[in-house]
């Protein structure tokens, strides 16, 4: 189950990172948040985090830990940005779900002893 969640999470961030960089919808959303200058950086961090967590999960445990921790922080900031602009709950739920998913995966990786490998 953890493997499936890790693969899903990694893939979602790679796709979402690409959407963040290349779609007009994300340009509009980042402008609404007052964070236009961070849109491309956010997309790059999401892509790198997704690739890092995918590669790290199977071959480099320390990379996995680092990537998942980074994605957890990124989603925490995403939730904060949405709360700050008063975005409706239904629009914020995706960021909150991915925050908890990444926090769970990070916690699981520590319990499994990835960090000690």
PDB file of N, CA and C in Angstrom:
ATOM      1  N   UNK A   1       0.818  -1.193   0.000  1.00  0.00           N
ATOM      2  CA  UNK A   1       0.000   0.000   0.000  1.00  0.00           C
ATOM      3  C   UNK A   1       0.868   1.267   0.000  1.00  0.00           C
ATOM      4  N   UNK A   2       1.923   1.270   0.820  1.00  0.00           N
ATOM      5  CA  UNK A   2       2.790   2.442   0.883  1.00  0.00           C
ATOM      6  C   UNK A   2       3.441   2.683  -0.473  1.00  0.00           C
ATOM      7  N   UNK A   3       3.847   1.611  -1.142  1.00  0.00           N
ATOM      8  CA  UNK A   3       4.467   1.762  -2.462  1.00  0.00           C
ATOM      9  C   UNK A   3       3.497   2.418  -3.436  1.00  0.00           C
ATOM     10  N   UNK A   4       2.253   1.982  -3.436  1.00  0.00           N
ATOM     11  CA  UNK A   4       1.245   2.576  -4.327  1.00  0.00           C
ATOM     12  C   UNK A   4       1.029   4.052  -4.017  1.00  0.00           C
ATOM     13  N   UNK A   5       0.958   4.390  -2.734  1.00  0.00           N
ATOM     14  CA  UNK A   5       0.793   5.795  -2.347  1.00  0.00           C
ATOM     15  C   UNK A   5       1.998   6.628  -2.763  1.00  0.00           C
ATOM     16  N   UNK A   6       3.192   6.073  -2.591  1.00  0.00           N
ATOM     17  CA  UNK A   6       4.412   6.797  -2.959  1.00  0.00           C
ATOM     18  C   UNK A   6       4.463   7.046  -4.466  1.00  0.00           C
ATOM     19  N   UNK A   7       4.095   6.046  -5.258  1.00  0.00           N
ATOM     20  CA  UNK A   7       4.093   6.204  -6.718  1.00  0.00           C
ATOM     21  C   UNK A   7       3.024   7.210  -7.142  1.00  0.00           C
ATOM     22  N   UNK A   8       1.828   7.091  -6.580  1.00  0.00           N
ATOM     23  CA  UNK A   8       0.754   8.042  -6.881  1.00  0.00           C
ATOM     24  C   UNK A   8       1.182   9.464  -6.546  1.00  0.00           C
ATOM     25  N   UNK A   9       1.731   9.643  -5.351  1.00  0.00           N
ATOM     26  CA  UNK A   9       2.147  10.961  -4.887  1.00  0.00           C
ATOM     27  C   UNK A   9       3.212  11.555  -5.814  1.00  0.00           C
ATOM     28  N   UNK A  10       4.210  10.766  -6.140  1.00  0.00           N
ATOM     29  CA  UNK A  10       5.289  11.237  -7.017  1.00  0.00           C
ATOM     30  C   UNK A  10       4.749  11.648  -8.380  1.00  0.00           C
ATOM     31  N   UNK A  11       3.922  10.801  -8.950  1.00  0.00           N
ATOM     32  CA  UNK A  11       3.344  11.075 -10.268  1.00  0.00           C
ATOM     33  C   UNK A  11       2.472  12.328 -10.235  1.00  0.00           C
ATOM     34  N   UNK A  12       1.677  12.459  -9.198  1.00  0.00           N
ATOM     35  CA  UNK A  12       0.804  13.632  -9.071  1.00  0.00           C
ATOM     36  C   UNK A  12       1.621  14.917  -9.025  1.00  0.00           C
ATOM     37  N   UNK A  13       2.722  14.915  -8.296  1.00  0.00           N
ATOM     38  CA  UNK A  13       3.536  16.126  -8.198  1.00  0.00           C
ATOM     39  C   UNK A  13       4.263  16.439  -9.498  1.00  0.00           C
ATOM     40  N   UNK A  14       4.690  15.429 -10.215  1.00  0.00           N
ATOM     41  CA  UNK A  14       5.321  15.678 -11.516  1.00  0.00           C
ATOM     42  C   UNK A  14       4.306  16.327 -12.455  1.00  0.00           C
ATOM     43  N   UNK A  15       3.119  15.760 -12.517  1.00  0.00           N
ATOM     44  CA  UNK A  15       2.065  16.303 -13.389  1.00  0.00           C
ATOM     45  C   UNK A  15       1.650  17.703 -12.934  1.00  0.00           C
ATOM     46  N   UNK A  16       1.409  17.855 -11.642  1.00  0.00           N
ATOM     47  CA  UNK A  16       0.967  19.154 -11.128  1.00  0.00           C
ATOM     48  C   UNK A  16       2.039  20.218 -11.326  1.00  0.00           C
ATOM     49  N   UNK A  17       3.302  19.843 -11.179  1.00  0.00           N
ATOM     50  CA  UNK A  17       4.397  20.782 -11.415  1.00  0.00           C
ATOM     51  C   UNK A  17       4.421  21.265 -12.854  1.00  0.00           C
ATOM     52  N   UNK A  18       4.203  20.342 -13.790  1.00  0.00           N
ATOM     53  CA  UNK A  18       4.142  20.721 -15.209  1.00  0.00           C
ATOM     54  C   UNK A  18       2.955  21.647 -15.468  1.00  0.00           C
ATOM     55  N   UNK A  19       1.812  21.329 -14.876  1.00  0.00           N
ATOM     56  CA  UNK A  19       0.639  22.191 -15.025  1.00  0.00           C
ATOM     57  C   UNK A  19       0.899  23.574 -14.440  1.00  0.00           C
ATOM     58  N   UNK A  20       1.595  23.605 -13.323  1.00  0.00           N
ATOM     59  CA  UNK A  20       1.913  24.861 -12.646  1.00  0.00           C
ATOM     60  C   UNK A  20       2.740  25.776 -13.555  1.00  0.00           C
ATOM     61  N   UNK A  21       3.650  25.195 -14.289  1.00  0.00           N
ATOM     62  CA  UNK A  21       4.530  25.975 -15.162  1.00  0.00           C
ATOM     63  C   UNK A  21       3.839  26.383 -16.460  1.00  0.00           C
ATOM     64  N   UNK A  22       3.031  25.494 -17.023  1.00  0.00           N
ATOM     65  CA  UNK A  22       2.581  25.683 -18.397  1.00  0.00           C
ATOM     66  C   UNK A  22       1.114  26.044 -18.619  1.00  0.00           C
ATOM     67  N   UNK A  23       0.287  26.124 -17.579  1.00  0.00           N
ATOM     68  CA  UNK A  23      -1.133  26.395 -17.837  1.00  0.00           C
ATOM     69  C   UNK A  23      -1.561  27.795 -17.400  1.00  0.00           C
ATOM     70  N   UNK A  24      -2.509  28.345 -18.141  1.00  0.00           N
ATOM     71  CA  UNK A  24      -3.045  29.674 -17.836  1.00  0.00           C
ATOM     72  C   UNK A  24      -3.807  29.676 -16.513  1.00  0.00           C
ATOM     73  N   UNK A  25      -4.448  28.556 -16.218  1.00  0.00           N
ATOM     74  CA  UNK A  25      -5.189  28.447 -14.955  1.00  0.00           C
ATOM     75  C   UNK A  25      -4.265  28.700 -13.763  1.00  0.00           C
ATOM     76  N   UNK A  26      -3.073  28.130 -13.809  1.00  0.00           N
ATOM     77  CA  UNK A  26      -2.140  28.306 -12.691  1.00  0.00           C
ATOM     78  C   UNK A  26      -1.575  29.724 -12.650  1.00  0.00           C
ATOM     79  N   UNK A  27      -1.407  30.339 -13.811  1.00  0.00           N
ATOM     80  CA  UNK A  27      -0.983  31.748 -13.839  1.00  0.00           C
ATOM     81  C   UNK A  27      -2.012  32.579 -13.081  1.00  0.00           C
ATOM     82  N   UNK A  28      -3.291  32.332 -13.370  1.00  0.00           N
ATOM     83  CA  UNK A  28      -4.382  33.056 -12.711  1.00  0.00           C
ATOM     84  C   UNK A  28      -4.409  32.778 -11.204  1.00  0.00           C
ATOM     85  N   UNK A  29      -4.257  31.510 -10.838  1.00  0.00           N
ATOM     86  CA  UNK A  29      -4.325  31.140  -9.426  1.00  0.00           C
ATOM     87  C   UNK A  29      -3.182  31.775  -8.625  1.00  0.00           C
ATOM     88  N   UNK A  30      -1.977  31.743  -9.158  1.00  0.00           N
ATOM     89  CA  UNK A  30      -0.846  32.337  -8.442  1.00  0.00           C
ATOM     90  C   UNK A  30      -0.980  33.857  -8.360  1.00  0.00           C
ATOM     91  N   UNK A  31      -1.577  34.458  -9.381  1.00  0.00           N
ATOM     92  CA  UNK A  31      -1.826  35.902  -9.337  1.00  0.00           C
ATOM     93  C   UNK A  31      -2.829  36.210  -8.226  1.00  0.00           C
ATOM     94  N   UNK A  32      -3.865  35.373  -8.110  1.00  0.00           N
ATOM     95  CA  UNK A  32      -4.882  35.532  -7.065  1.00  0.00           C
ATOM     96  C   UNK A  32      -4.251  35.451  -5.669  1.00  0.00           C
ATOM     97  N   UNK A  33      -3.252  34.595  -5.518  1.00  0.00           N
ATOM     98  CA  UNK A  33      -2.568  34.434  -4.231  1.00  0.00           C
ATOM     99  C   UNK A  33      -1.541  35.529  -3.979  1.00  0.00           C
ATOM    100  N   UNK A  34      -1.246  36.328  -5.012  1.00  0.00           N
ATOM    101  CA  UNK A  34      -0.197  37.337  -4.886  1.00  0.00           C
ATOM    102  C   UNK A  34       1.193  36.727  -4.920  1.00  0.00           C
ATOM    103  N   UNK A  35       1.305  35.583  -5.587  1.00  0.00           N
ATOM    104  CA  UNK A  35       2.569  34.845  -5.615  1.00  0.00           C
ATOM    105  C   UNK A  35       3.049  34.568  -7.041  1.00  0.00           C
ATOM    106  N   UNK A  36       2.713  35.439  -7.972  1.00  0.00           N
ATOM    107  CA  UNK A  36       3.044  35.219  -9.383  1.00  0.00           C
ATOM    108  C   UNK A  36       4.515  34.912  -9.610  1.00  0.00           C
ATOM    109  N   UNK A  37       5.386  35.606  -8.896  1.00  0.00           N
ATOM    110  CA  UNK A  37       6.818  35.421  -9.146  1.00  0.00           C
ATOM    111  C   UNK A  37       7.336  34.070  -8.640  1.00  0.00           C
ATOM    112  N   UNK A  38       6.524  33.337  -7.897  1.00  0.00           N
ATOM    113  CA  UNK A  38       6.944  32.029  -7.380  1.00  0.00           C
ATOM    114  C   UNK A  38       6.329  30.844  -8.132  1.00  0.00           C
ATOM    115  N   UNK A  39       5.523  31.113  -9.144  1.00  0.00           N
ATOM    116  CA  UNK A  39       4.821  30.038  -9.858  1.00  0.00           C
ATOM    117  C   UNK A  39       5.781  29.054 -10.512  1.00  0.00           C
ATOM    118  N   UNK A  40       6.728  29.550 -11.288  1.00  0.00           N
ATOM    119  CA  UNK A  40       7.653  28.650 -11.987  1.00  0.00           C
ATOM    120  C   UNK A  40       8.528  27.905 -10.978  1.00  0.00           C
ATOM    121  N   UNK A  41       9.010  28.612  -9.961  1.00  0.00           N
ATOM    122  CA  UNK A  41       9.816  27.959  -8.923  1.00  0.00           C
ATOM    123  C   UNK A  41       9.014  26.855  -8.237  1.00  0.00           C
ATOM    124  N   UNK A  42       7.758  27.138  -7.933  1.00  0.00           N
ATOM    125  CA  UNK A  42       6.901  26.132  -7.299  1.00  0.00           C
ATOM    126  C   UNK A  42       6.754  24.911  -8.199  1.00  0.00           C
ATOM    127  N   UNK A  43       6.521  25.143  -9.487  1.00  0.00           N
ATOM    128  CA  UNK A  43       6.407  24.036 -10.437  1.00  0.00           C
ATOM    129  C   UNK A  43       7.680  23.210 -10.506  1.00  0.00           C
ATOM    130  N   UNK A  44       8.819  23.881 -10.544  1.00  0.00           N
ATOM    131  CA  UNK A  44      10.104  23.175 -10.595  1.00  0.00           C
ATOM    132  C   UNK A  44      10.316  22.362  -9.319  1.00  0.00           C
ATOM    133  N   UNK A  45       9.999  22.949  -8.177  1.00  0.00           N
ATOM    134  CA  UNK A  45      10.144  22.220  -6.909  1.00  0.00           C
ATOM    135  C   UNK A  45       9.220  21.006  -6.854  1.00  0.00           C
ATOM    136  N   UNK A  46       8.010  21.141  -7.378  1.00  0.00           N
ATOM    137  CA  UNK A  46       7.080  20.009  -7.405  1.00  0.00           C
ATOM    138  C   UNK A  46       7.593  18.902  -8.321  1.00  0.00           C
ATOM    139  N   UNK A  47       8.100  19.270  -9.488  1.00  0.00           N
ATOM    140  CA  UNK A  47       8.646  18.273 -10.416  1.00  0.00           C
ATOM    141  C   UNK A  47       9.859  17.588  -9.796  1.00  0.00           C
ATOM    142  N   UNK A  48      10.778  18.373  -9.252  1.00  0.00           N
ATOM    143  CA  UNK A  48      11.978  17.801  -8.619  1.00  0.00           C
ATOM    144  C   UNK A  48      11.610  16.919  -7.430  1.00  0.00           C
ATOM    145  N   UNK A  49      10.653  17.371  -6.628  1.00  0.00           N
ATOM    146  CA  UNK A  49      10.206  16.567  -5.488  1.00  0.00           C
ATOM    147  C   UNK A  49       9.566  15.263  -5.930  1.00  0.00           C
ATOM    148  N   UNK A  50       8.761  15.325  -6.985  1.00  0.00           N
ATOM    149  CA  UNK A  50       8.123  14.117  -7.505  1.00  0.00           C
ATOM    150  C   UNK A  50       9.132  13.133  -8.068  1.00  0.00           C
ATOM    151  N   UNK A  51      10.063  13.634  -8.872  1.00  0.00           N
ATOM    152  CA  UNK A  51      11.099  12.767  -9.447  1.00  0.00           C
ATOM    153  C   UNK A  51      12.009  12.228  -8.338  1.00  0.00           C
ATOM    154  N   UNK A  52      12.409  13.114  -7.421  1.00  0.00           N
ATOM    155  CA  UNK A  52      13.279  12.690  -6.320  1.00  0.00           C
ATOM    156  C   UNK A  52      12.640  11.639  -5.440  1.00  0.00           C
ATOM    157  N   UNK A  53      11.361  11.805  -5.150  1.00  0.00           N
ATOM    158  CA  UNK A  53      10.695  10.819  -4.292  1.00  0.00           C
ATOM    159  C   UNK A  53      10.500   9.493  -5.022  1.00  0.00           C
ATOM    160  N   UNK A  54      10.250   9.544  -6.320  1.00  0.00           N
ATOM    161  CA  UNK A  54      10.079   8.313  -7.095  1.00  0.00           C
ATOM    162  C   UNK A  54      11.393   7.543  -7.200  1.00  0.00           C
ATOM    163  N   UNK A  55      12.449   8.220  -7.587  1.00  0.00           N
ATOM    164  CA  UNK A  55      13.768   7.577  -7.691  1.00  0.00           C
ATOM    165  C   UNK A  55      14.252   7.164  -6.303  1.00  0.00           C
ATOM    166  N   UNK A  56      14.082   8.060  -5.344  1.00  0.00           N
ATOM    167  CA  UNK A  56      14.545   7.785  -3.993  1.00  0.00           C
ATOM    168  C   UNK A  56      13.847   6.609  -3.336  1.00  0.00           C
ATOM    169  N   UNK A  57      12.565   6.453  -3.590  1.00  0.00           N
ATOM    170  CA  UNK A  57      11.814   5.369  -2.959  1.00  0.00           C
ATOM    171  C   UNK A  57      12.410   4.013  -3.303  1.00  0.00           C
ATOM    172  N   UNK A  58      12.819   3.854  -4.561  1.00  0.00           N
ATOM    173  CA  UNK A  58      13.313   2.558  -5.016  1.00  0.00           C
ATOM    174  C   UNK A  58      14.825   2.383  -4.896  1.00  0.00           C
ATOM    175  N   UNK A  59      15.576   3.487  -4.995  1.00  0.00           N
ATOM    176  CA  UNK A  59      17.029   3.326  -5.071  1.00  0.00           C
ATOM    177  C   UNK A  59      17.848   4.148  -4.082  1.00  0.00           C
ATOM    178  N   UNK A  60      17.362   5.298  -3.645  1.00  0.00           N
ATOM    179  CA  UNK A  60      18.151   6.178  -2.782  1.00  0.00           C
ATOM    180  C   UNK A  60      17.293   6.682  -1.617  1.00  0.00           C
ATOM    181  N   UNK A  61      17.235   5.917  -0.538  1.00  0.00           N
ATOM    182  CA  UNK A  61      16.352   6.262   0.582  1.00  0.00           C
ATOM    183  C   UNK A  61      16.528   7.682   1.125  1.00  0.00           C
ATOM    184  N   UNK A  62      17.746   8.169   1.181  1.00  0.00           N
ATOM    185  CA  UNK A  62      17.949   9.525   1.701  1.00  0.00           C
ATOM    186  C   UNK A  62      17.317  10.577   0.778  1.00  0.00           C
ATOM    187  N   UNK A  63      17.379  10.336  -0.512  1.00  0.00           N
ATOM    188  CA  UNK A  63      16.737  11.237  -1.478  1.00  0.00           C
ATOM    189  C   UNK A  63      15.222  11.214  -1.280  1.00  0.00           C
ATOM    190  N   UNK A  64      14.675  10.043  -1.019  1.00  0.00           N
ATOM    191  CA  UNK A  64      13.236   9.913  -0.773  1.00  0.00           C
ATOM    192  C   UNK A  64      12.826  10.745   0.447  1.00  0.00           C
ATOM    193  N   UNK A  65      13.565  10.582   1.536  1.00  0.00           N
ATOM    194  CA  UNK A  65      13.263  11.329   2.764  1.00  0.00           C
ATOM    195  C   UNK A  65      13.308  12.833   2.501  1.00  0.00           C
ATOM    196  N   UNK A  66      14.363  13.281   1.865  1.00  0.00           N
ATOM    197  CA  UNK A  66      14.542  14.705   1.569  1.00  0.00           C
ATOM    198  C   UNK A  66      13.404  15.221   0.686  1.00  0.00           C
ATOM    199  N   UNK A  67      13.067  14.459  -0.358  1.00  0.00           N
ATOM    200  CA  UNK A  67      12.018  14.871  -1.300  1.00  0.00           C
ATOM    201  C   UNK A  67      10.648  14.926  -0.641  1.00  0.00           C
ATOM    202  N   UNK A  68      10.312  13.901   0.111  1.00  0.00           N
ATOM    203  CA  UNK A  68       9.004  13.856   0.774  1.00  0.00           C
ATOM    204  C   UNK A  68       8.888  14.965   1.818  1.00  0.00           C
ATOM    205  N   UNK A  69       9.965  15.216   2.549  1.00  0.00           N
ATOM    206  CA  UNK A  69       9.946  16.302   3.521  1.00  0.00           C
ATOM    207  C   UNK A  69       9.739  17.641   2.813  1.00  0.00           C
ATOM    208  N   UNK A  70      10.435  17.839   1.698  1.00  0.00           N
ATOM    209  CA  UNK A  70      10.276  19.076   0.924  1.00  0.00           C
ATOM    210  C   UNK A  70       8.865  19.247   0.391  1.00  0.00           C
ATOM    211  N   UNK A  71       8.275  18.167  -0.108  1.00  0.00           N
ATOM    212  CA  UNK A  71       6.905  18.242  -0.618  1.00  0.00           C
ATOM    213  C   UNK A  71       5.913  18.505   0.519  1.00  0.00           C
ATOM    214  N   UNK A  72       6.186  17.953   1.691  1.00  0.00           N
ATOM    215  CA  UNK A  72       5.334  18.220   2.853  1.00  0.00           C
ATOM    216  C   UNK A  72       5.351  19.709   3.189  1.00  0.00           C
ATOM    217  N   UNK A  73       6.545  20.288   3.230  1.00  0.00           N
ATOM    218  CA  UNK A  73       6.659  21.727   3.510  1.00  0.00           C
ATOM    219  C   UNK A  73       6.002  22.564   2.418  1.00  0.00           C
ATOM    220  N   UNK A  74       6.201  22.162   1.172  1.00  0.00           N
ATOM    221  CA  UNK A  74       5.605  22.887   0.048  1.00  0.00           C
ATOM    222  C   UNK A  74       4.084  22.889   0.152  1.00  0.00           C
ATOM    223  N   UNK A  75       3.506  21.761   0.525  1.00  0.00           N
ATOM    224  CA  UNK A  75       2.053  21.693   0.648  1.00  0.00           C
ATOM    225  C   UNK A  75       1.555  22.452   1.876  1.00  0.00           C
ATOM    226  N   UNK A  76       2.344  22.475   2.930  1.00  0.00           N
ATOM    227  CA  UNK A  76       1.980  23.282   4.095  1.00  0.00           C
ATOM    228  C   UNK A  76       1.924  24.756   3.707  1.00  0.00           C
ATOM    229  N   UNK A  77       2.895  25.204   2.930  1.00  0.00           N
ATOM    230  CA  UNK A  77       2.879  26.582   2.433  1.00  0.00           C
ATOM    231  C   UNK A  77       1.702  26.815   1.489  1.00  0.00           C
ATOM    232  N   UNK A  78       1.365  25.795   0.693  1.00  0.00           N
ATOM    233  CA  UNK A  78       0.211  25.898  -0.195  1.00  0.00           C
ATOM    234  C   UNK A  78      -1.093  26.060   0.573  1.00  0.00           C
ATOM    235  N   UNK A  79      -1.238  25.304   1.645  1.00  0.00           N
ATOM    236  CA  UNK A  79      -2.429  25.432   2.494  1.00  0.00           C
ATOM    237  C   UNK A  79      -2.464  26.825   3.116  1.00  0.00           C
ATOM    238  N   UNK A  80      -1.322  27.280   3.614  1.00  0.00           N
ATOM    239  CA  UNK A  80      -1.239  28.613   4.221  1.00  0.00           C
ATOM    240  C   UNK A  80      -1.636  29.702   3.217  1.00  0.00           C
ATOM    241  N   UNK A  81      -1.129  29.601   1.984  1.00  0.00           N
ATOM    242  CA  UNK A  81      -1.448  30.605   0.955  1.00  0.00           C
ATOM    243  C   UNK A  81      -2.946  30.646   0.686  1.00  0.00           C
ATOM    244  N   UNK A  82      -3.570  29.480   0.650  1.00  0.00           N
ATOM    245  CA  UNK A  82      -5.008  29.427   0.387  1.00  0.00           C
ATOM    246  C   UNK A  82      -5.818  30.003   1.548  1.00  0.00           C
ATOM    247  N   UNK A  83      -5.409  29.699   2.757  1.00  0.00           N
ATOM    248  CA  UNK A  83      -6.090  30.243   3.938  1.00  0.00           C
ATOM    249  C   UNK A  83      -5.913  31.756   3.981  1.00  0.00           C
ATOM    250  N   UNK A  84      -4.711  32.217   3.671  1.00  0.00           N
ATOM    251  CA  UNK A  84      -4.392  33.651   3.725  1.00  0.00           C
ATOM    252  C   UNK A  84      -5.274  34.474   2.790  1.00  0.00           C
ATOM    253  N   UNK A  85      -5.581  33.938   1.598  1.00  0.00           N
ATOM    254  CA  UNK A  85      -6.415  34.687   0.650  1.00  0.00           C
ATOM    255  C   UNK A  85      -7.903  34.399   0.842  1.00  0.00           C
ATOM    256  N   UNK A  86      -8.237  33.547   1.813  1.00  0.00           N
ATOM    257  CA  UNK A  86      -9.640  33.253   2.091  1.00  0.00           C
ATOM    258  C   UNK A  86     -10.296  32.370   1.052  1.00  0.00           C
ATOM    259  N   UNK A  87      -9.517  31.483   0.462  1.00  0.00           N
ATOM    260  CA  UNK A  87     -10.069  30.576  -0.546  1.00  0.00           C
ATOM    261  C   UNK A  87     -11.076  29.629   0.114  1.00  0.00           C
ATOM    262  N   UNK A  88     -12.186  29.348  -0.563  1.00  0.00           N
ATOM    263  CA  UNK A  88     -13.191  28.438   0.003  1.00  0.00           C
ATOM    264  C   UNK A  88     -12.595  27.062   0.322  1.00  0.00           C
ATOM    265  N   UNK A  89     -13.137  26.426   1.336  1.00  0.00           N
ATOM    266  CA  UNK A  89     -12.668  25.131   1.807  1.00  0.00           C
ATOM    267  C   UNK A  89     -12.580  24.107   0.678  1.00  0.00           C
ATOM    268  N   UNK A  90     -13.588  24.058  -0.183  1.00  0.00           N
ATOM    269  CA  UNK A  90     -13.610  23.042  -1.243  1.00  0.00           C
ATOM    270  C   UNK A  90     -12.470  23.216  -2.236  1.00  0.00           C
ATOM    271  N   UNK A  91     -11.966  24.435  -2.389  1.00  0.00           N
ATOM    272  CA  UNK A  91     -10.825  24.670  -3.281  1.00  0.00           C
ATOM    273  C   UNK A  91      -9.492  24.398  -2.582  1.00  0.00           C
ATOM    274  N   UNK A  92      -9.514  24.378  -1.271  1.00  0.00           N
ATOM    275  CA  UNK A  92      -8.283  24.181  -0.493  1.00  0.00           C
ATOM    276  C   UNK A  92      -8.045  22.726  -0.113  1.00  0.00           C
ATOM    277  N   UNK A  93      -9.051  21.895  -0.270  1.00  0.00           N
ATOM    278  CA  UNK A  93      -8.980  20.519   0.229  1.00  0.00           C
ATOM    279  C   UNK A  93      -7.867  19.711  -0.440  1.00  0.00           C
ATOM    280  N   UNK A  94      -7.616  19.941  -1.730  1.00  0.00           N
ATOM    281  CA  UNK A  94      -6.575  19.187  -2.431  1.00  0.00           C
ATOM    282  C   UNK A  94      -5.204  19.427  -1.793  1.00  0.00           C
ATOM    283  N   UNK A  95      -4.889  20.673  -1.509  1.00  0.00           N
ATOM    284  CA  UNK A  95      -3.603  20.987  -0.879  1.00  0.00           C
ATOM    285  C   UNK A  95      -3.514  20.351   0.506  1.00  0.00           C
ATOM    286  N   UNK A  96      -4.603  20.382   1.239  1.00  0.00           N
ATOM    287  CA  UNK A  96      -4.624  19.795   2.578  1.00  0.00           C
ATOM    288  C   UNK A  96      -4.445  18.277   2.520  1.00  0.00           C
ATOM    289  N   UNK A  97      -5.109  17.631   1.575  1.00  0.00           N
ATOM    290  CA  UNK A  97      -4.971  16.178   1.415  1.00  0.00           C
ATOM    291  C   UNK A  97      -3.529  15.816   1.071  1.00  0.00           C
ATOM    292  N   UNK A  98      -2.927  16.558   0.134  1.00  0.00           N
ATOM    293  CA  UNK A  98      -1.542  16.251  -0.237  1.00  0.00           C
ATOM    294  C   UNK A  98      -0.564  16.587   0.890  1.00  0.00           C
ATOM    295  N   UNK A  99      -0.877  17.577   1.707  1.00  0.00           N
ATOM    296  CA  UNK A  99      -0.041  17.833   2.886  1.00  0.00           C
ATOM    297  C   UNK A  99      -0.060  16.614   3.803  1.00  0.00           C
ATOM    298  N   UNK A 100      -1.258  16.130   4.135  1.00  0.00           N
ATOM    299  CA  UNK A 100      -1.360  14.982   5.035  1.00  0.00           C
ATOM    300  C   UNK A 100      -0.777  13.714   4.413  1.00  0.00           C
ATOM    301  N   UNK A 101      -0.967  13.519   3.114  1.00  0.00           N
ATOM    302  CA  UNK A 101      -0.388  12.356   2.442  1.00  0.00           C
ATOM    303  C   UNK A 101       1.134  12.377   2.545  1.00  0.00           C
ATOM    304  N   UNK A 102       1.743  13.522   2.260  1.00  0.00           N
ATOM    305  CA  UNK A 102       3.198  13.614   2.329  1.00  0.00           C
ATOM    306  C   UNK A 102       3.706  13.509   3.758  1.00  0.00           C
ATOM    307  N   UNK A 103       2.983  14.098   4.707  1.00  0.00           N
ATOM    308  CA  UNK A 103       3.371  13.970   6.114  1.00  0.00           C
ATOM    309  C   UNK A 103       3.317  12.499   6.542  1.00  0.00           C
ATOM    310  N   UNK A 104       2.285  11.789   6.093  1.00  0.00           N
ATOM    311  CA  UNK A 104       2.155  10.362   6.392  1.00  0.00           C
ATOM    312  C   UNK A 104       3.306   9.571   5.776  1.00  0.00           C
ATOM    313  N   UNK A 105       3.609   9.827   4.501  1.00  0.00           N
ATOM    314  CA  UNK A 105       4.704   9.113   3.837  1.00  0.00           C
ATOM    315  C   UNK A 105       6.043   9.414   4.503  1.00  0.00           C
ATOM    316  N   UNK A 106       6.235  10.655   4.911  1.00  0.00           N
ATOM    317  CA  UNK A 106       7.465  11.023   5.616  1.00  0.00           C
ATOM    318  C   UNK A 106       7.557  10.259   6.936  1.00  0.00           C
ATOM    319  N   UNK A 107       6.486  10.260   7.688  1.00  0.00           N
ATOM    320  CA  UNK A 107       6.442   9.548   8.963  1.00  0.00           C
ATOM    321  C   UNK A 107       6.709   8.054   8.760  1.00  0.00           C
ATOM    322  N   UNK A 108       6.061   7.464   7.773  1.00  0.00           N
ATOM    323  CA  UNK A 108       6.257   6.043   7.479  1.00  0.00           C
ATOM    324  C   UNK A 108       7.706   5.738   7.106  1.00  0.00           C
ATOM    325  N   UNK A 109       8.321   6.633   6.358  1.00  0.00           N
ATOM    326  CA  UNK A 109       9.703   6.391   5.936  1.00  0.00           C
ATOM    327  C   UNK A 109      10.653   6.452   7.129  1.00  0.00           C
ATOM    328  N   UNK A 110      10.359   7.285   8.092  1.00  0.00           N
ATOM    329  CA  UNK A 110      11.177   7.352   9.303  1.00  0.00           C
ATOM    330  C   UNK A 110      10.993   6.070  10.121  1.00  0.00           C
ATOM    331  N   UNK A 111       9.751   5.606  10.246  1.00  0.00           N
ATOM    332  CA  UNK A 111       9.468   4.375  10.992  1.00  0.00           C
ATOM    333  C   UNK A 111      10.140   3.175  10.329  1.00  0.00           C
ATOM    334  N   UNK A 112      10.106   3.116   9.001  1.00  0.00           N
ATOM    335  CA  UNK A 112      10.731   2.009   8.277  1.00  0.00           C
ATOM    336  C   UNK A 112      12.246   2.025   8.427  1.00  0.00           C
ATOM    337  N   UNK A 113      12.769   3.140   8.875  1.00  0.00           N
ATOM    338  CA  UNK A 113      14.209   3.223   9.042  1.00  0.00           C
ATOM    339  C   UNK A 113      14.948   3.634   7.787  1.00  0.00           C
ATOM    340  N   UNK A 114      14.234   4.215   6.796  1.00  0.00           N
ATOM    341  CA  UNK A 114      14.897   4.666   5.576  1.00  0.00           C
ATOM    342  C   UNK A 114      16.059   5.595   5.902  1.00  0.00           C
ATOM    343  N   UNK A 115      15.821   6.473   6.849  1.00  0.00           N
ATOM    344  CA  UNK A 115      16.818   7.491   7.152  1.00  0.00           C
ATOM    345  C   UNK A 115      18.081   6.884   7.744  1.00  0.00           C
ATOM    346  N   UNK A 116      17.945   5.719   8.350  1.00  0.00           N
ATOM    347  CA  UNK A 116      19.092   5.066   8.980  1.00  0.00           C
ATOM    348  C   UNK A 116      19.821   4.130   8.031  1.00  0.00           C
ATOM    349  N   UNK A 117      19.285   3.918   6.849  1.00  0.00           N
ATOM    350  CA  UNK A 117      19.893   2.986   5.886  1.00  0.00           C
ATOM    351  C   UNK A 117      21.232   3.477   5.396  1.00  0.00           C
TER     352      UNK A 117
END
